[in-house]
Amino acid sequence: MRITFKLFAQLQDYLPAEAKKTNAFSLELAEGSSIVDVIERFNLPPRLVHLVLLDGVHVLPEARPGRKLKDGETLAIWPPVAGG
């Protein structure tokens, strides 16, 4: 199965070099992979995984381990953002 994986702000440092220009890349995953499987695969620090969207829909932290990804979906992750 293949998804589009996007990381924003300081999380872009965890992307492969070729994906840093667009902050996204196509990712091949085993069937049945979850959102948490992808987070762990890229060693994303839990404190930086704040806003998680799947095809533009917010996924609450408690739903992430059980949410299995589907072919063609887009997983986007943002760290906490502060500002004023």
PDB file of N, CA and C in Angstrom:
ATOM      1  N   MET A   1       0.849  -1.162   0.000  1.00  0.00           N
ATOM      2  CA  MET A   1       0.000   0.000   0.000  1.00  0.00           C
ATOM      3  C   MET A   1       0.896   1.228   0.000  1.00  0.00           C
ATOM      4  N   ARG A   2       0.416   2.317  -0.578  1.00  0.00           N
ATOM      5  CA  ARG A   2       1.206   3.544  -0.682  1.00  0.00           C
ATOM      6  C   ARG A   2       0.361   4.718  -0.177  1.00  0.00           C
ATOM      7  N   ILE A   3       0.995   5.566   0.675  1.00  0.00           N
ATOM      8  CA  ILE A   3       0.357   6.790   1.162  1.00  0.00           C
ATOM      9  C   ILE A   3       1.272   7.974   0.845  1.00  0.00           C
ATOM     10  N   THR A   4       0.739   9.175   0.992  1.00  0.00           N
ATOM     11  CA  THR A   4       1.556  10.381   0.964  1.00  0.00           C
ATOM     12  C   THR A   4       1.782  10.780   2.407  1.00  0.00           C
ATOM     13  N   PHE A   5       3.034  11.048   2.758  1.00  0.00           N
ATOM     14  CA  PHE A   5       3.406  11.397   4.118  1.00  0.00           C
ATOM     15  C   PHE A   5       3.998  12.799   4.111  1.00  0.00           C
ATOM     16  N   LYS A   6       3.454  13.674   4.975  1.00  0.00           N
ATOM     17  CA  LYS A   6       3.894  15.066   5.039  1.00  0.00           C
ATOM     18  C   LYS A   6       4.268  15.415   6.471  1.00  0.00           C
ATOM     19  N   LEU A   7       5.374  16.137   6.603  1.00  0.00           N
ATOM     20  CA  LEU A   7       5.794  16.649   7.907  1.00  0.00           C
ATOM     21  C   LEU A   7       6.036  18.147   7.769  1.00  0.00           C
ATOM     22  N   PHE A   8       5.672  18.911   8.810  1.00  0.00           N
ATOM     23  CA  PHE A   8       5.761  20.358   8.749  1.00  0.00           C
ATOM     24  C   PHE A   8       6.632  20.922   9.863  1.00  0.00           C
ATOM     25  N   ALA A   9       7.087  22.171   9.643  1.00  0.00           N
ATOM     26  CA  ALA A   9       7.914  22.915  10.595  1.00  0.00           C
ATOM     27  C   ALA A   9       9.155  22.099  10.952  1.00  0.00           C
ATOM     28  N   GLN A  10       9.521  22.041  12.234  1.00  0.00           N
ATOM     29  CA  GLN A  10      10.767  21.362  12.607  1.00  0.00           C
ATOM     30  C   GLN A  10      10.728  19.857  12.367  1.00  0.00           C
ATOM     31  N   LEU A  11       9.557  19.294  12.156  1.00  0.00           N
ATOM     32  CA  LEU A  11       9.471  17.862  11.859  1.00  0.00           C
ATOM     33  C   LEU A  11      10.031  17.534  10.471  1.00  0.00           C
ATOM     34  N   GLN A  12      10.164  18.541   9.614  1.00  0.00           N
ATOM     35  CA  GLN A  12      10.726  18.299   8.285  1.00  0.00           C
ATOM     36  C   GLN A  12      12.135  17.718   8.364  1.00  0.00           C
ATOM     37  N   ASP A  13      12.824  17.947   9.463  1.00  0.00           N
ATOM     38  CA  ASP A  13      14.173  17.393   9.637  1.00  0.00           C
ATOM     39  C   ASP A  13      14.170  15.867   9.619  1.00  0.00           C
ATOM     40  N   TYR A  14      13.022  15.250   9.842  1.00  0.00           N
ATOM     41  CA  TYR A  14      12.914  13.793   9.877  1.00  0.00           C
ATOM     42  C   TYR A  14      12.600  13.197   8.498  1.00  0.00           C
ATOM     43  N   LEU A  15      12.407  14.046   7.512  1.00  0.00           N
ATOM     44  CA  LEU A  15      12.132  13.574   6.154  1.00  0.00           C
ATOM     45  C   LEU A  15      13.426  13.181   5.451  1.00  0.00           C
ATOM     46  N   PRO A  16      13.347  12.269   4.488  1.00  0.00           N
ATOM     47  CA  PRO A  16      14.512  11.986   3.650  1.00  0.00           C
ATOM     48  C   PRO A  16      14.915  13.257   2.890  1.00  0.00           C
ATOM     49  N   ALA A  17      16.173  13.392   2.575  1.00  0.00           N
ATOM     50  CA  ALA A  17      16.693  14.605   1.922  1.00  0.00           C
ATOM     51  C   ALA A  17      15.896  14.995   0.681  1.00  0.00           C
ATOM     52  N   GLU A  18      15.530  14.030  -0.131  1.00  0.00           N
ATOM     53  CA  GLU A  18      14.826  14.329  -1.380  1.00  0.00           C
ATOM     54  C   GLU A  18      13.412  14.866  -1.166  1.00  0.00           C
ATOM     55  N   ALA A  19      12.864  14.720   0.018  1.00  0.00           N
ATOM     56  CA  ALA A  19      11.500  15.172   0.298  1.00  0.00           C
ATOM     57  C   ALA A  19      11.444  16.532   0.988  1.00  0.00           C
ATOM     58  N   LYS A  20      12.573  17.077   1.375  1.00  0.00           N
ATOM     59  CA  LYS A  20      12.578  18.306   2.174  1.00  0.00           C
ATOM     60  C   LYS A  20      12.120  19.540   1.401  1.00  0.00           C
ATOM     61  N   LYS A  21      12.250  19.550   0.084  1.00  0.00           N
ATOM     62  CA  LYS A  21      11.781  20.697  -0.713  1.00  0.00           C
ATOM     63  C   LYS A  21      10.268  20.818  -0.686  1.00  0.00           C
ATOM     64  N   THR A  22       9.597  19.703  -0.742  1.00  0.00           N
ATOM     65  CA  THR A  22       8.134  19.716  -0.833  1.00  0.00           C
ATOM     66  C   THR A  22       7.465  19.309   0.475  1.00  0.00           C
ATOM     67  N   ASN A  23       8.232  18.909   1.457  1.00  0.00           N
ATOM     68  CA  ASN A  23       7.802  18.421   2.764  1.00  0.00           C
ATOM     69  C   ASN A  23       6.886  17.195   2.678  1.00  0.00           C
ATOM     70  N   ALA A  24       6.919  16.484   1.553  1.00  0.00           N
ATOM     71  CA  ALA A  24       6.058  15.323   1.372  1.00  0.00           C
ATOM     72  C   ALA A  24       6.731  14.291   0.478  1.00  0.00           C
ATOM     73  N   PHE A  25       6.327  13.050   0.668  1.00  0.00           N
ATOM     74  CA  PHE A  25       6.801  12.002  -0.237  1.00  0.00           C
ATOM     75  C   PHE A  25       5.853  10.812  -0.180  1.00  0.00           C
ATOM     76  N   SER A  26       5.992   9.967  -1.160  1.00  0.00           N
ATOM     77  CA  SER A  26       5.195   8.759  -1.254  1.00  0.00           C
ATOM     78  C   SER A  26       5.869   7.675  -0.426  1.00  0.00           C
ATOM     79  N   LEU A  27       5.099   7.019   0.413  1.00  0.00           N
ATOM     80  CA  LEU A  27       5.640   6.043   1.348  1.00  0.00           C
ATOM     81  C   LEU A  27       4.948   4.697   1.167  1.00  0.00           C
ATOM     82  N   GLU A  28       5.743   3.669   0.964  1.00  0.00           N
ATOM     83  CA  GLU A  28       5.239   2.300   0.846  1.00  0.00           C
ATOM     84  C   GLU A  28       5.134   1.696   2.242  1.00  0.00           C
ATOM     85  N   LEU A  29       3.968   1.138   2.561  1.00  0.00           N
ATOM     86  CA  LEU A  29       3.720   0.544   3.876  1.00  0.00           C
ATOM     87  C   LEU A  29       3.100  -0.838   3.731  1.00  0.00           C
ATOM     88  N   ALA A  30       3.281  -1.644   4.762  1.00  0.00           N
ATOM     89  CA  ALA A  30       2.611  -2.943   4.807  1.00  0.00           C
ATOM     90  C   ALA A  30       1.123  -2.731   5.073  1.00  0.00           C
ATOM     91  N   GLU A  31       0.305  -3.589   4.504  1.00  0.00           N
ATOM     92  CA  GLU A  31      -1.128  -3.530   4.788  1.00  0.00           C
ATOM     93  C   GLU A  31      -1.344  -3.620   6.297  1.00  0.00           C
ATOM     94  N   GLY A  32      -2.288  -2.855   6.798  1.00  0.00           N
ATOM     95  CA  GLY A  32      -2.598  -2.890   8.222  1.00  0.00           C
ATOM     96  C   GLY A  32      -1.748  -1.952   9.066  1.00  0.00           C
ATOM     97  N   SER A  33      -0.862  -1.168   8.434  1.00  0.00           N
ATOM     98  CA  SER A  33      -0.041  -0.216   9.184  1.00  0.00           C
ATOM     99  C   SER A  33      -0.921   0.884   9.768  1.00  0.00           C
ATOM    100  N   SER A  34      -0.554   1.327  10.959  1.00  0.00           N
ATOM    101  CA  SER A  34      -1.323   2.383  11.635  1.00  0.00           C
ATOM    102  C   SER A  34      -0.559   3.702  11.588  1.00  0.00           C
ATOM    103  N   ILE A  35      -1.226   4.758  12.021  1.00  0.00           N
ATOM    104  CA  ILE A  35      -0.590   6.063  12.133  1.00  0.00           C
ATOM    105  C   ILE A  35       0.622   5.969  13.063  1.00  0.00           C
ATOM    106  N   VAL A  36       0.467   5.299  14.183  1.00  0.00           N
ATOM    107  CA  VAL A  36       1.564   5.168  15.150  1.00  0.00           C
ATOM    108  C   VAL A  36       2.731   4.389  14.545  1.00  0.00           C
ATOM    109  N   ASP A  37       2.450   3.410  13.697  1.00  0.00           N
ATOM    110  CA  ASP A  37       3.537   2.680  13.032  1.00  0.00           C
ATOM    111  C   ASP A  37       4.418   3.639  12.224  1.00  0.00           C
ATOM    112  N   VAL A  38       3.806   4.589  11.539  1.00  0.00           N
ATOM    113  CA  VAL A  38       4.570   5.549  10.739  1.00  0.00           C
ATOM    114  C   VAL A  38       5.344   6.496  11.655  1.00  0.00           C
ATOM    115  N   ILE A  39       4.710   6.981  12.704  1.00  0.00           N
ATOM    116  CA  ILE A  39       5.379   7.865  13.673  1.00  0.00           C
ATOM    117  C   ILE A  39       6.616   7.175  14.238  1.00  0.00           C
ATOM    118  N   GLU A  40       6.482   5.926  14.613  1.00  0.00           N
ATOM    119  CA  GLU A  40       7.608   5.180  15.182  1.00  0.00           C
ATOM    120  C   GLU A  40       8.677   4.882  14.134  1.00  0.00           C
ATOM    121  N   ARG A  41       8.272   4.577  12.926  1.00  0.00           N
ATOM    122  CA  ARG A  41       9.229   4.276  11.852  1.00  0.00           C
ATOM    123  C   ARG A  41      10.180   5.451  11.607  1.00  0.00           C
ATOM    124  N   PHE A  42       9.660   6.673  11.739  1.00  0.00           N
ATOM    125  CA  PHE A  42      10.478   7.853  11.496  1.00  0.00           C
ATOM    126  C   PHE A  42      11.049   8.449  12.789  1.00  0.00           C
ATOM    127  N   ASN A  43      10.880   7.732  13.889  1.00  0.00           N
ATOM    128  CA  ASN A  43      11.428   8.154  15.186  1.00  0.00           C
ATOM    129  C   ASN A  43      11.028   9.582  15.552  1.00  0.00           C
ATOM    130  N   LEU A  44       9.768   9.918  15.278  1.00  0.00           N
ATOM    131  CA  LEU A  44       9.283  11.253  15.617  1.00  0.00           C
ATOM    132  C   LEU A  44       9.094  11.354  17.128  1.00  0.00           C
ATOM    133  N   PRO A  45       9.662  12.366  17.766  1.00  0.00           N
ATOM    134  CA  PRO A  45       9.493  12.520  19.212  1.00  0.00           C
ATOM    135  C   PRO A  45       8.016  12.755  19.555  1.00  0.00           C
ATOM    136  N   PRO A  46       7.462  11.978  20.465  1.00  0.00           N
ATOM    137  CA  PRO A  46       6.044  12.130  20.811  1.00  0.00           C
ATOM    138  C   PRO A  46       5.657  13.557  21.184  1.00  0.00           C
ATOM    139  N   ARG A  47       6.555  14.291  21.845  1.00  0.00           N
ATOM    140  CA  ARG A  47       6.239  15.664  22.254  1.00  0.00           C
ATOM    141  C   ARG A  47       6.088  16.603  21.055  1.00  0.00           C
ATOM    142  N   LEU A  48       6.608  16.194  19.888  1.00  0.00           N
ATOM    143  CA  LEU A  48       6.499  17.019  18.683  1.00  0.00           C
ATOM    144  C   LEU A  48       5.354  16.597  17.765  1.00  0.00           C
ATOM    145  N   VAL A  49       4.733  15.475  18.048  1.00  0.00           N
ATOM    146  CA  VAL A  49       3.611  15.010  17.229  1.00  0.00           C
ATOM    147  C   VAL A  49       2.331  15.577  17.850  1.00  0.00           C
ATOM    148  N   HIS A  50       1.896  16.705  17.293  1.00  0.00           N
ATOM    149  CA  HIS A  50       0.767  17.415  17.897  1.00  0.00           C
ATOM    150  C   HIS A  50      -0.503  17.276  17.052  1.00  0.00           C
ATOM    151  N   LEU A  51      -0.490  17.903  15.905  1.00  0.00           N
ATOM    152  CA  LEU A  51      -1.665  17.880  15.028  1.00  0.00           C
ATOM    153  C   LEU A  51      -1.448  16.813  13.955  1.00  0.00           C
ATOM    154  N   VAL A  52      -2.347  15.847  13.920  1.00  0.00           N
ATOM    155  CA  VAL A  52      -2.268  14.764  12.936  1.00  0.00           C
ATOM    156  C   VAL A  52      -3.546  14.795  12.106  1.00  0.00           C
ATOM    157  N   LEU A  53      -3.364  14.918  10.801  1.00  0.00           N
ATOM    158  CA  LEU A  53      -4.496  14.919   9.877  1.00  0.00           C
ATOM    159  C   LEU A  53      -4.362  13.761   8.911  1.00  0.00           C
ATOM    160  N   LEU A  54      -5.476  13.128   8.646  1.00  0.00           N
ATOM    161  CA  LEU A  54      -5.532  12.058   7.664  1.00  0.00           C
ATOM    162  C   LEU A  54      -6.548  12.487   6.615  1.00  0.00           C
ATOM    163  N   ASP A  55      -6.065  12.765   5.417  1.00  0.00           N
ATOM    164  CA  ASP A  55      -6.891  13.330   4.344  1.00  0.00           C
ATOM    165  C   ASP A  55      -7.642  14.569   4.833  1.00  0.00           C
ATOM    166  N   GLY A  56      -6.944  15.395   5.622  1.00  0.00           N
ATOM    167  CA  GLY A  56      -7.505  16.658   6.086  1.00  0.00           C
ATOM    168  C   GLY A  56      -8.405  16.573   7.305  1.00  0.00           C
ATOM    169  N   VAL A  57      -8.554  15.390   7.865  1.00  0.00           N
ATOM    170  CA  VAL A  57      -9.423  15.192   9.032  1.00  0.00           C
ATOM    171  C   VAL A  57      -8.555  14.928  10.262  1.00  0.00           C
ATOM    172  N   HIS A  58      -8.789  15.702  11.312  1.00  0.00           N
ATOM    173  CA  HIS A  58      -8.016  15.577  12.549  1.00  0.00           C
ATOM    174  C   HIS A  58      -8.216  14.199  13.174  1.00  0.00           C
ATOM    175  N   VAL A  59      -7.106  13.588  13.599  1.00  0.00           N
ATOM    176  CA  VAL A  59      -7.150  12.294  14.284  1.00  0.00           C
ATOM    177  C   VAL A  59      -6.678  12.530  15.720  1.00  0.00           C
ATOM    178  N   LEU A  60      -7.553  12.282  16.675  1.00  0.00           N
ATOM    179  CA  LEU A  60      -7.225  12.480  18.079  1.00  0.00           C
ATOM    180  C   LEU A  60      -6.136  11.506  18.522  1.00  0.00           C
ATOM    181  N   PRO A  61      -5.312  11.905  19.507  1.00  0.00           N
ATOM    182  CA  PRO A  61      -4.213  11.034  19.957  1.00  0.00           C
ATOM    183  C   PRO A  61      -4.659   9.623  20.337  1.00  0.00           C
ATOM    184  N   GLU A  62      -5.777   9.496  20.999  1.00  0.00           N
ATOM    185  CA  GLU A  62      -6.217   8.169  21.437  1.00  0.00           C
ATOM    186  C   GLU A  62      -6.678   7.279  20.277  1.00  0.00           C
ATOM    187  N   ALA A  63      -6.979   7.874  19.127  1.00  0.00           N
ATOM    188  CA  ALA A  63      -7.428   7.094  17.965  1.00  0.00           C
ATOM    189  C   ALA A  63      -6.270   6.670  17.061  1.00  0.00           C
ATOM    190  N   ARG A  64      -5.109   7.250  17.236  1.00  0.00           N
ATOM    191  CA  ARG A  64      -3.984   7.012  16.317  1.00  0.00           C
ATOM    192  C   ARG A  64      -3.471   5.581  16.312  1.00  0.00           C
ATOM    193  N   PRO A  65      -3.345   4.901  17.460  1.00  0.00           N
ATOM    194  CA  PRO A  65      -2.827   3.524  17.404  1.00  0.00           C
ATOM    195  C   PRO A  65      -3.725   2.568  16.620  1.00  0.00           C
ATOM    196  N   GLY A  66      -5.026   2.752  16.713  1.00  0.00           N
ATOM    197  CA  GLY A  66      -5.947   1.836  16.066  1.00  0.00           C
ATOM    198  C   GLY A  66      -6.357   2.226  14.666  1.00  0.00           C
ATOM    199  N   ARG A  67      -5.973   3.423  14.223  1.00  0.00           N
ATOM    200  CA  ARG A  67      -6.392   3.881  12.895  1.00  0.00           C
ATOM    201  C   ARG A  67      -5.453   3.322  11.839  1.00  0.00           C
ATOM    202  N   LYS A  68      -5.959   2.325  11.121  1.00  0.00           N
ATOM    203  CA  LYS A  68      -5.194   1.691  10.049  1.00  0.00           C
ATOM    204  C   LYS A  68      -5.240   2.574   8.801  1.00  0.00           C
ATOM    205  N   LEU A  69      -4.110   2.707   8.160  1.00  0.00           N
ATOM    206  CA  LEU A  69      -4.021   3.524   6.960  1.00  0.00           C
ATOM    207  C   LEU A  69      -4.510   2.741   5.749  1.00  0.00           C
ATOM    208  N   LYS A  70      -4.998   3.492   4.760  1.00  0.00           N
ATOM    209  CA  LYS A  70      -5.508   2.892   3.538  1.00  0.00           C
ATOM    210  C   LYS A  70      -4.736   3.437   2.345  1.00  0.00           C
ATOM    211  N   ASP A  71      -4.626   2.637   1.333  1.00  0.00           N
ATOM    212  CA  ASP A  71      -3.931   3.019   0.118  1.00  0.00           C
ATOM    213  C   ASP A  71      -4.465   4.346  -0.408  1.00  0.00           C
ATOM    214  N   GLY A  72      -3.527   5.257  -0.725  1.00  0.00           N
ATOM    215  CA  GLY A  72      -3.911   6.529  -1.321  1.00  0.00           C
ATOM    216  C   GLY A  72      -4.163   7.655  -0.339  1.00  0.00           C
ATOM    217  N   GLU A  73      -4.186   7.371   0.960  1.00  0.00           N
ATOM    218  CA  GLU A  73      -4.445   8.421   1.943  1.00  0.00           C
ATOM    219  C   GLU A  73      -3.227   9.325   2.099  1.00  0.00           C
ATOM    220  N   THR A  74      -3.469  10.504   2.671  1.00  0.00           N
ATOM    221  CA  THR A  74      -2.402  11.455   2.980  1.00  0.00           C
ATOM    222  C   THR A  74      -2.357  11.670   4.482  1.00  0.00           C
ATOM    223  N   LEU A  75      -1.205  11.383   5.079  1.00  0.00           N
ATOM    224  CA  LEU A  75      -0.962  11.569   6.505  1.00  0.00           C
ATOM    225  C   LEU A  75      -0.069  12.789   6.682  1.00  0.00           C
ATOM    226  N   ALA A  76      -0.556  13.801   7.416  1.00  0.00           N
ATOM    227  CA  ALA A  76       0.185  15.039   7.635  1.00  0.00           C
ATOM    228  C   ALA A  76       0.313  15.273   9.140  1.00  0.00           C
ATOM    229  N   ILE A  77       1.524  15.667   9.573  1.00  0.00           N
ATOM    230  CA  ILE A  77       1.783  15.857  10.995  1.00  0.00           C
ATOM    231  C   ILE A  77       2.482  17.191  11.227  1.00  0.00           C
ATOM    232  N   TRP A  78       1.982  17.942  12.236  1.00  0.00           N
ATOM    233  CA  TRP A  78       2.557  19.221  12.638  1.00  0.00           C
ATOM    234  C   TRP A  78       2.977  19.154  14.092  1.00  0.00           C
ATOM    235  N   PRO A  79       4.048  19.863  14.433  1.00  0.00           N
ATOM    236  CA  PRO A  79       4.430  19.985  15.854  1.00  0.00           C
ATOM    237  C   PRO A  79       3.557  21.064  16.499  1.00  0.00           C
ATOM    238  N   PRO A  80       3.644  21.213  17.828  1.00  0.00           N
ATOM    239  CA  PRO A  80       2.942  22.330  18.464  1.00  0.00           C
ATOM    240  C   PRO A  80       3.489  23.649  17.917  1.00  0.00           C
ATOM    241  N   VAL A  81       2.615  24.615  17.741  1.00  0.00           N
ATOM    242  CA  VAL A  81       3.016  25.905  17.205  1.00  0.00           C
ATOM    243  C   VAL A  81       2.643  26.987  18.217  1.00  0.00           C
ATOM    244  N   ALA A  82       3.571  27.879  18.483  1.00  0.00           N
ATOM    245  CA  ALA A  82       3.294  29.000  19.384  1.00  0.00           C
ATOM    246  C   ALA A  82       3.514  30.289  18.620  1.00  0.00           C
ATOM    247  N   GLY A  83       2.880  31.290  19.054  1.00  0.00           N
ATOM    248  CA  GLY A  83       3.057  32.578  18.392  1.00  0.00           C
ATOM    249  C   GLY A  83       1.976  33.542  18.831  1.00  0.00           C
ATOM    250  N   GLY A  84       2.022  34.669  18.220  1.00  0.00           N
ATOM    251  CA  GLY A  84       1.029  35.637  18.649  1.00  0.00           C
ATOM    252  C   GLY A  84       0.688  36.633  17.627  1.00  0.00           C
TER     253      GLY A  84
END
